[in-house]
Protein backbone atom coordinates (compact mmCIF):
# COMPACT_ATOMS: atom_id res chain seq x y z
CA MET A 1 -33.46 24.23 -26.56
CA TYR A 2 -29.70 23.87 -27.02
CA ARG A 3 -29.18 27.54 -26.18
CA GLN A 4 -31.31 27.14 -23.07
CA ASN A 5 -29.38 24.04 -21.99
CA ARG A 6 -26.05 25.76 -22.60
CA SER A 7 -27.15 28.79 -20.62
CA LEU A 8 -28.30 26.55 -17.76
CA VAL A 9 -25.00 24.69 -17.62
CA LEU A 10 -22.92 27.88 -17.70
CA THR A 11 -25.08 29.31 -14.91
CA LEU A 12 -24.54 26.16 -12.87
CA LEU A 13 -20.80 26.42 -13.43
CA CYS A 14 -20.75 29.96 -12.08
CA LEU A 15 -22.79 28.93 -9.07
CA LEU A 16 -20.55 25.97 -8.39
CA LEU A 17 -17.41 28.06 -8.53
CA ALA A 18 -18.85 30.58 -6.10
CA ALA A 19 -20.88 28.23 -3.93
CA CYS A 20 -20.73 28.51 -0.16
CA GLY A 21 -21.37 25.02 1.17
CA GLU A 22 -19.51 23.05 3.79
CA PRO A 23 -16.15 24.67 4.57
CA PRO A 24 -13.26 22.80 2.96
CA ALA A 25 -10.80 20.78 4.96
CA HIS A 26 -7.94 22.84 6.32
CA LEU A 27 -4.50 22.19 4.83
CA ALA A 28 -1.11 23.36 5.98
CA ARG A 29 0.32 26.24 3.96
CA LEU A 30 2.43 24.97 1.08
CA ALA A 31 6.09 25.92 1.31
CA PRO A 32 7.37 28.33 -1.37
CA ASP A 33 9.26 25.49 -3.06
CA ALA A 34 6.48 22.92 -2.65
CA VAL A 35 5.80 20.47 -5.47
CA ILE A 36 2.25 19.37 -6.28
CA LEU A 37 1.63 15.99 -7.92
CA ALA A 38 -1.45 15.76 -10.16
CA PHE A 39 -2.16 12.06 -10.57
CA GLY A 40 -4.75 10.47 -12.81
CA ASP A 41 -5.68 9.41 -16.30
CA SER A 42 -6.47 11.35 -19.50
CA LEU A 43 -8.31 14.11 -17.62
CA THR A 44 -5.09 14.87 -15.80
CA PHE A 45 -2.88 14.31 -18.83
CA GLY A 46 -4.93 16.89 -20.73
CA SER A 47 -6.18 14.84 -23.65
CA GLY A 48 -8.13 17.05 -26.02
CA ALA A 49 -5.92 20.13 -25.59
CA GLU A 50 -2.33 21.23 -25.97
CA PRO A 51 0.00 20.24 -23.09
CA SER A 52 0.15 23.85 -21.95
CA ALA A 53 -3.65 23.86 -21.59
CA SER A 54 -3.93 20.80 -19.33
CA TYR A 55 -5.34 21.56 -15.91
CA PRO A 56 -1.98 20.84 -14.17
CA ALA A 57 -0.18 23.27 -16.48
CA GLN A 58 -2.80 25.98 -16.00
CA LEU A 59 -2.87 25.37 -12.24
CA ALA A 60 0.91 25.75 -12.05
CA GLN A 61 0.61 29.18 -13.66
CA ARG A 62 -2.15 30.20 -11.26
CA LEU A 63 -0.39 29.02 -8.11
CA GLN A 64 3.22 29.69 -9.09
CA HIS A 65 4.11 26.22 -7.81
CA PRO A 66 5.47 23.30 -9.83
CA VAL A 67 2.62 20.90 -10.67
CA ILE A 68 3.83 17.53 -11.95
CA ASN A 69 1.48 16.13 -14.58
CA ALA A 70 1.32 12.39 -13.82
CA GLY A 71 -1.69 11.58 -16.00
CA VAL A 72 -1.73 8.44 -18.15
CA PRO A 73 -4.52 8.23 -20.75
CA GLY A 74 -6.57 5.07 -20.58
CA GLU A 75 -5.23 3.99 -17.21
CA VAL A 76 -7.57 2.12 -14.85
CA SER A 77 -7.36 2.42 -11.10
CA ALA A 78 -5.68 -0.97 -10.62
CA ASP A 79 -2.73 0.27 -12.67
CA GLY A 80 -2.76 3.66 -10.96
CA ARG A 81 -2.60 1.93 -7.60
CA GLN A 82 0.67 0.28 -8.63
CA ARG A 83 2.14 3.41 -10.22
CA LEU A 84 1.46 6.02 -7.54
CA PRO A 85 3.83 4.99 -4.69
CA GLY A 86 6.93 5.27 -6.87
CA LEU A 87 5.96 8.77 -7.98
CA LEU A 88 5.31 9.87 -4.41
CA ASP A 89 8.78 8.67 -3.47
CA GLU A 90 10.38 10.24 -6.54
CA TYR A 91 8.85 13.72 -6.32
CA ARG A 92 8.06 13.94 -2.58
CA PRO A 93 5.13 16.32 -3.20
CA GLN A 94 3.57 18.44 -0.51
CA LEU A 95 0.16 17.88 -2.06
CA LEU A 96 -1.41 15.11 -4.14
CA ILE A 97 -4.31 15.94 -6.46
CA LEU A 98 -6.02 12.61 -7.14
CA CYS A 99 -8.36 12.27 -10.12
CA HIS A 100 -8.76 8.61 -10.95
CA GLY A 101 -11.33 5.93 -11.64
CA GLY A 102 -12.99 7.48 -14.69
CA ASN A 103 -11.92 4.66 -16.98
CA ASP A 104 -13.21 2.14 -14.48
CA LEU A 105 -16.62 3.81 -14.68
CA LEU A 106 -16.53 3.97 -18.49
CA ARG A 107 -15.68 0.27 -18.70
CA ARG A 108 -18.17 -0.62 -15.97
CA LEU A 109 -15.52 -2.35 -13.89
CA ASP A 110 -16.37 -3.63 -10.44
CA GLU A 111 -16.97 -0.59 -8.24
CA HIS A 112 -15.82 -2.36 -5.09
CA ALA A 113 -12.45 -2.94 -6.74
CA THR A 114 -12.29 0.70 -7.86
CA ARG A 115 -13.01 1.85 -4.33
CA ALA A 116 -10.31 -0.49 -2.94
CA ASN A 117 -7.80 0.86 -5.44
CA LEU A 118 -8.58 4.47 -4.54
CA GLU A 119 -8.35 3.56 -0.85
CA ALA A 120 -4.88 2.11 -1.51
CA MET A 121 -3.81 5.33 -3.26
CA LEU A 122 -5.04 7.39 -0.33
CA ALA A 123 -3.20 5.07 2.06
CA ALA A 124 0.03 5.51 0.07
CA ALA A 125 -0.27 9.28 0.48
CA ARG A 126 -1.22 9.03 4.15
CA GLU A 127 1.79 6.80 4.90
CA ARG A 128 4.00 9.59 3.54
CA ALA A 129 2.06 12.36 5.31
CA ILE A 130 1.02 13.88 1.97
CA PRO A 131 -2.36 15.68 2.01
CA VAL A 132 -4.81 14.91 -0.79
CA LEU A 133 -7.26 16.91 -2.85
CA LEU A 134 -9.71 14.39 -4.31
CA LEU A 135 -11.54 15.20 -7.55
CA GLY A 136 -14.88 13.50 -8.18
CA VAL A 137 -15.45 11.92 -11.59
CA PRO A 138 -18.95 11.43 -13.05
CA ARG A 139 -20.58 8.27 -14.22
CA PRO A 140 -21.21 8.17 -18.00
CA GLY A 141 -24.41 9.97 -18.93
CA LEU A 142 -26.00 12.40 -21.35
CA PHE A 143 -26.54 15.64 -19.42
CA LEU A 144 -26.03 17.29 -16.03
CA LEU A 145 -23.76 14.56 -14.75
CA ALA A 146 -23.05 13.92 -11.08
CA PRO A 147 -19.96 12.44 -9.43
CA ALA A 148 -20.06 8.74 -8.65
CA ALA A 149 -21.09 8.23 -5.03
CA LEU A 150 -17.80 6.60 -4.05
CA TYR A 151 -15.93 9.93 -4.31
CA PRO A 152 -17.83 11.99 -1.72
CA GLU A 153 -17.98 8.89 0.47
CA LEU A 154 -14.20 8.52 0.38
CA ALA A 155 -13.75 12.25 0.97
CA ALA A 156 -16.02 12.18 4.01
CA ARG A 157 -14.49 9.02 5.41
CA HIS A 158 -10.95 10.35 5.23
CA ALA A 159 -11.74 14.06 5.85
CA LEU A 160 -10.22 15.02 2.51
CA LEU A 161 -10.25 18.29 0.66
CA TYR A 162 -12.77 17.47 -2.08
CA GLU A 163 -13.91 18.98 -5.38
CA GLY A 164 -16.79 16.93 -6.75
CA GLU A 165 -18.71 19.35 -8.94
CA ILE A 166 -16.45 20.94 -11.51
CA ILE A 167 -15.60 17.90 -13.66
CA PRO A 168 -19.24 16.77 -13.92
CA ALA A 169 -20.23 20.35 -14.79
CA VAL A 170 -17.59 20.64 -17.51
CA GLU A 171 -18.49 17.20 -18.85
CA SER A 172 -22.13 18.32 -19.10
CA ASP A 173 -21.35 21.23 -21.44
CA PRO A 174 -20.45 20.37 -25.06
CA THR A 175 -18.90 23.82 -25.55
CA LEU A 176 -16.25 22.92 -22.95
CA LYS A 177 -15.30 19.57 -24.50
CA SER A 178 -13.05 18.48 -27.35
CA ASP A 179 -14.81 15.12 -27.77
CA ALA A 180 -17.36 12.98 -25.96
CA ILE A 181 -15.13 12.56 -22.91
CA HIS A 182 -12.34 15.12 -22.74
CA PRO A 183 -12.47 18.84 -21.97
CA ASN A 184 -11.01 21.45 -24.28
CA ALA A 185 -8.66 24.19 -23.14
CA ALA A 186 -11.55 26.25 -21.75
CA GLY A 187 -12.85 23.26 -19.82
CA TYR A 188 -9.45 22.54 -18.32
CA ALA A 189 -9.16 26.22 -17.39
CA LEU A 190 -12.35 25.98 -15.33
CA ILE A 191 -11.06 22.85 -13.60
CA ALA A 192 -7.79 24.61 -12.75
CA ARG A 193 -9.68 27.65 -11.48
CA SER A 194 -11.91 25.54 -9.25
CA ILE A 195 -8.93 23.66 -7.79
CA GLU A 196 -7.19 26.96 -7.11
CA GLN A 197 -10.24 28.24 -5.26
CA GLN A 198 -10.39 25.09 -3.15
CA LEU A 199 -6.72 25.36 -2.24
CA ARG A 200 -7.01 29.04 -1.31
CA ALA A 201 -10.12 28.39 0.77
CA SER A 202 -8.36 25.54 2.59
CA GLY A 203 -5.38 27.72 3.49
CA ALA A 204 -2.91 25.73 1.39
CA VAL A 205 -2.05 28.84 -0.64
CA PRO A 206 -2.59 32.50 0.28
């Protein structure tokens, strides 16, 4: 049964990475010297793998653009809301990759507050004319996880570039995880690959 489940998840991953659904939002081409800010919690930080194997580090190698790793393990969205504006002003990125709220879901914090905090982060980027790629985070579960509904709703409301499938898919496969929550290097590699595909499809990178 485990082999069958593993095979199913890996098949789903391949389908997700090659899926042809709604076309992604169009983004302006990143300048050659553009900086990307990856903002979030432990999934962005790369907990469970070496720093060089975090998804921001692997994405930087794939895109040949600097990707600032601004992940803080254990952070909830209320703290991220306060932290983000200063980083946007410090680094002046041309793209924000936002992956936040997972700890809120794990701790079963009020979802309305989580949504408000994510809205505030999106507003901070919008005020600075910084486009956003939003990553969907799953609710806690045992198998074949799905992103919490607030993520696709926010993406649709704000016409964001959105990747809502890869993190739930990785989190559903024990072979891609270092512990109950965090991916291993192979899991982070799939996340980086999926983000790269989204950015190329959107026109942000050639």
